[in-house]
Amino acid sequence: MNNSYAPLLLSLALLLGAQPAAAEKADRDKPMNIEADSLRYDDLKQISVFTGNVVVTKGTIVIRGARVEVHQDPEGYQYGVVTAAPGRLAFYRQKREGVDEFVEGESQVIEYDGKADRVKFIRQADLRRLRGSVLSDEMVGSLITYDNSNDVFTVDGGPGSPAPGGRVRAVLAPRPSASAPASPATAAPAAQLRPSMTLDGSRK
């Protein structure tokens, strides 16, 4: 059916017990450090283009890709576009404020907006939330937007989604009880979340 390829919208606000936890706020004020094989800098346009095994760090943020274009506006906010090498995916990871949790994702293109505090994962997008080193939630789609300021994820389906039929797919683990933290014996191991079900009940 044609509507199976129509963009689907899924907004997910991650609630951690009674207290939501946003992305690490201090990251916005940290310097951006970049390593690459080569750099081209345009002083007039304030644009830097890094190519070849690029690694970006900014506080707890880690970004990897084949090409990263960075520019800074007059207010000092930084913006970046990360492009993966052919056949590979660009990578993004950031710690969440006040908890031992990380958000990480992969896609063909990643857009970072320092002013809006927002990250977009474009085409073959896969976003995961980890408690410590254990995979908790995972979602895939054609476009995933992570709004750091309020910790909301927006996921669109479409032809660029890695899920069958261009669908949105999400695996959401139960939240641990506020009075009884989850123990290692009850936490689902990461390996069990990978062969997840699509929204229509069929296995990927």
Protein backbone atom coordinates (compact mmCIF):
# COMPACT_ATOMS: atom_id res chain seq x y z
CA MET A 1 0.00 0.00 0.00
CA ASN A 2 1.20 3.50 -0.80
CA ASN A 3 0.40 4.80 2.67
CA SER A 4 2.93 2.37 4.17
CA TYR A 5 5.63 4.70 2.80
CA ALA A 6 3.97 7.89 3.99
CA PRO A 7 5.88 9.64 6.77
CA LEU A 8 4.79 8.50 10.20
CA LEU A 9 5.15 10.73 13.26
CA LEU A 10 5.94 9.43 16.73
CA SER A 11 6.74 11.85 19.58
CA LEU A 12 8.34 10.20 22.59
CA ALA A 13 8.97 12.11 25.83
CA LEU A 14 11.32 9.98 27.94
CA LEU A 15 10.23 10.04 31.61
CA LEU A 16 12.69 8.79 34.21
CA GLY A 17 10.55 8.00 37.23
CA ALA A 18 9.32 11.29 38.69
CA GLN A 19 12.19 13.41 37.33
CA PRO A 20 12.84 13.83 33.58
CA ALA A 21 16.50 14.21 32.66
CA ALA A 22 17.53 16.36 29.72
CA ALA A 23 20.81 16.25 27.85
CA GLU A 24 23.93 17.43 29.67
CA LYS A 25 23.39 21.21 29.81
CA ALA A 26 27.05 22.07 30.36
CA ASP A 27 27.89 20.71 26.90
CA ARG A 28 26.51 23.86 25.24
CA ASP A 29 29.25 25.99 26.82
CA LYS A 30 32.15 23.61 26.17
CA PRO A 31 34.61 24.16 23.30
CA MET A 32 34.28 22.03 20.18
CA ASN A 33 37.42 19.95 19.52
CA ILE A 34 37.84 18.32 16.10
CA GLU A 35 40.38 15.87 14.68
CA ALA A 36 40.50 15.00 10.96
CA ASP A 37 42.81 14.15 8.06
CA SER A 38 42.34 17.57 6.46
CA LEU A 39 40.73 20.98 7.05
CA ARG A 40 39.53 23.78 4.78
CA TYR A 41 38.64 27.04 6.56
CA ASP A 42 36.74 29.98 5.06
CA ASP A 43 37.31 32.96 7.36
CA LEU A 44 34.86 35.22 5.49
CA LYS A 45 31.96 32.78 5.85
CA GLN A 46 33.18 31.38 9.19
CA ILE A 47 32.88 27.83 7.84
CA SER A 48 35.29 24.97 8.54
CA VAL A 49 35.15 21.73 6.54
CA PHE A 50 36.89 18.69 8.05
CA THR A 51 37.33 15.51 6.03
CA GLY A 52 38.73 12.05 6.67
CA ASN A 53 37.95 10.07 9.84
CA VAL A 54 36.55 13.12 11.62
CA VAL A 55 36.07 12.95 15.40
CA VAL A 56 34.29 15.81 17.20
CA THR A 57 34.11 16.18 20.99
CA LYS A 58 32.19 18.89 22.87
CA GLY A 59 31.83 18.14 26.59
CA THR A 60 30.15 14.72 26.75
CA ILE A 61 29.21 14.90 23.04
CA VAL A 62 31.11 12.62 20.65
CA ILE A 63 30.50 12.78 16.88
CA ARG A 64 32.18 10.70 14.16
CA GLY A 65 31.88 10.86 10.38
CA ALA A 66 33.74 11.13 7.08
CA ARG A 67 33.01 14.84 6.59
CA VAL A 68 31.99 17.55 9.07
CA GLU A 69 31.08 21.11 8.12
CA VAL A 70 31.00 23.54 11.05
CA HIS A 71 30.04 27.20 11.17
CA GLN A 72 29.49 29.69 13.97
CA ASP A 73 27.00 32.56 13.99
CA PRO A 74 27.73 36.08 15.33
CA GLU A 75 26.24 35.08 18.70
CA GLY A 76 28.78 32.29 19.06
CA TYR A 77 26.40 29.35 18.49
CA GLN A 78 27.86 26.42 16.57
CA TYR A 79 26.21 24.36 13.84
CA GLY A 80 27.46 21.19 12.21
CA VAL A 81 26.56 18.82 9.39
CA VAL A 82 28.12 15.36 9.61
CA THR A 83 28.19 13.08 6.56
CA ALA A 84 29.08 9.40 6.63
CA ALA A 85 31.38 7.62 4.21
CA PRO A 86 29.63 5.56 1.48
CA GLY A 87 28.19 2.39 2.97
CA ARG A 88 28.68 3.60 6.55
CA LEU A 89 26.79 5.71 9.11
CA ALA A 90 27.74 8.84 11.05
CA PHE A 91 27.65 8.57 14.86
CA TYR A 92 26.50 10.81 17.74
CA ARG A 93 26.61 10.22 21.52
CA GLN A 94 25.76 12.44 24.52
CA LYS A 95 25.31 11.95 28.27
CA ARG A 96 22.00 12.84 29.90
CA GLU A 97 21.88 15.34 32.74
CA GLY A 98 22.16 13.95 36.30
CA VAL A 99 21.89 10.24 35.47
CA ASP A 100 24.17 7.45 34.24
CA GLU A 101 22.48 7.39 30.85
CA PHE A 102 23.54 8.15 27.30
CA VAL A 103 21.72 8.86 24.06
CA GLU A 104 23.50 7.70 20.91
CA GLY A 105 22.48 7.43 17.31
CA GLU A 106 23.58 6.74 13.75
CA SER A 107 22.42 7.85 10.31
CA GLN A 108 23.77 8.81 6.90
CA VAL A 109 23.67 12.52 7.81
CA ILE A 110 23.59 14.20 11.23
CA GLU A 111 22.74 17.88 11.71
CA TYR A 112 23.71 19.60 14.99
CA ASP A 113 22.08 22.94 15.91
CA GLY A 114 23.80 24.49 18.92
CA LYS A 115 21.35 27.39 19.25
CA ALA A 116 18.18 25.29 19.21
CA ASP A 117 20.00 22.51 21.12
CA ARG A 118 18.70 19.98 18.61
CA VAL A 119 20.14 17.04 16.66
CA LYS A 120 18.67 15.53 13.49
CA PHE A 121 19.47 12.03 12.22
CA ILE A 122 18.69 11.80 8.50
CA ARG A 123 18.21 8.56 6.51
CA GLN A 124 18.73 5.11 8.05
CA ALA A 125 18.31 6.76 11.43
CA ASP A 126 18.76 4.62 14.55
CA LEU A 127 18.59 6.23 18.01
CA ARG A 128 19.27 4.39 21.29
CA ARG A 129 19.12 5.21 25.00
CA LEU A 130 21.46 3.33 27.31
CA ARG A 131 21.35 3.00 31.09
CA GLY A 132 25.03 2.65 31.87
CA SER A 133 26.14 0.17 29.21
CA VAL A 134 22.75 -1.59 28.89
CA LEU A 135 20.52 -0.78 25.93
CA SER A 136 17.14 0.47 27.17
CA ASP A 137 15.13 2.15 24.38
CA GLU A 138 15.69 2.08 20.63
CA MET A 139 13.88 3.65 17.69
CA VAL A 140 14.50 3.66 13.95
CA GLY A 141 13.05 5.71 11.10
CA SER A 142 13.86 7.85 8.10
CA LEU A 143 14.27 11.05 10.18
CA ILE A 144 14.76 11.31 13.94
CA THR A 145 14.87 14.70 15.67
CA TYR A 146 16.25 14.83 19.21
CA ASP A 147 15.26 18.04 21.03
CA ASN A 148 17.82 18.25 23.84
CA SER A 149 16.08 21.12 25.64
CA ASN A 150 12.98 19.09 26.59
CA ASP A 151 14.22 15.55 25.84
CA VAL A 152 11.63 14.78 23.16
CA PHE A 153 12.31 12.53 20.17
CA THR A 154 10.33 12.89 16.94
CA VAL A 155 10.54 9.95 14.55
CA ASP A 156 9.35 9.96 10.92
CA GLY A 157 9.00 6.89 8.73
CA GLY A 158 9.52 6.79 4.99
CA PRO A 159 11.74 5.24 2.30
CA GLY A 160 14.87 6.19 4.26
CA SER A 161 13.87 4.08 7.28
CA PRO A 162 15.83 0.86 7.90
CA ALA A 163 12.63 -0.82 9.19
CA PRO A 164 10.59 -2.95 6.74
CA GLY A 165 8.13 -0.99 4.63
CA GLY A 166 9.64 2.33 5.64
CA ARG A 167 7.91 2.05 9.02
CA VAL A 168 8.86 3.59 12.36
CA ARG A 169 10.01 0.95 14.82
CA ALA A 170 10.45 1.50 18.57
CA VAL A 171 11.42 -0.69 21.52
CA LEU A 172 10.64 0.98 24.85
CA ALA A 173 11.84 -0.70 28.05
CA PRO A 174 9.76 -0.42 31.26
CA ARG A 175 10.83 2.40 33.56
CA PRO A 176 12.38 1.23 36.84
CA SER A 177 10.36 1.89 39.99
CA ALA A 178 11.36 5.05 41.84
CA SER A 179 11.35 3.14 45.15
CA ALA A 180 13.07 0.03 43.80
CA PRO A 181 15.83 0.65 41.26
CA ALA A 182 16.18 -2.00 38.60
CA SER A 183 18.67 -4.70 39.47
CA PRO A 184 21.03 -6.37 36.98
CA ALA A 185 18.93 -9.54 37.27
CA THR A 186 15.78 -7.78 36.01
CA ALA A 187 17.34 -5.45 33.45
CA ALA A 188 16.98 -6.69 29.88
CA PRO A 189 20.38 -7.27 28.26
CA ALA A 190 21.16 -5.30 25.11
CA ALA A 191 21.28 -8.43 22.93
CA GLN A 192 17.60 -9.17 23.60
CA LEU A 193 16.44 -5.82 22.22
CA ARG A 194 18.08 -6.09 18.80
CA PRO A 195 15.69 -8.61 17.15
CA SER A 196 12.77 -6.31 17.88
CA MET A 197 9.25 -6.40 16.44
CA THR A 198 7.85 -3.88 13.98
CA LEU A 199 4.70 -1.97 14.88
CA ASP A 200 2.48 -4.28 12.85
CA GLY A 201 3.69 -7.35 14.80
CA SER A 202 5.93 -8.88 12.15
CA ARG A 203 9.57 -9.66 12.93
CA LYS A 204 12.31 -7.73 11.15
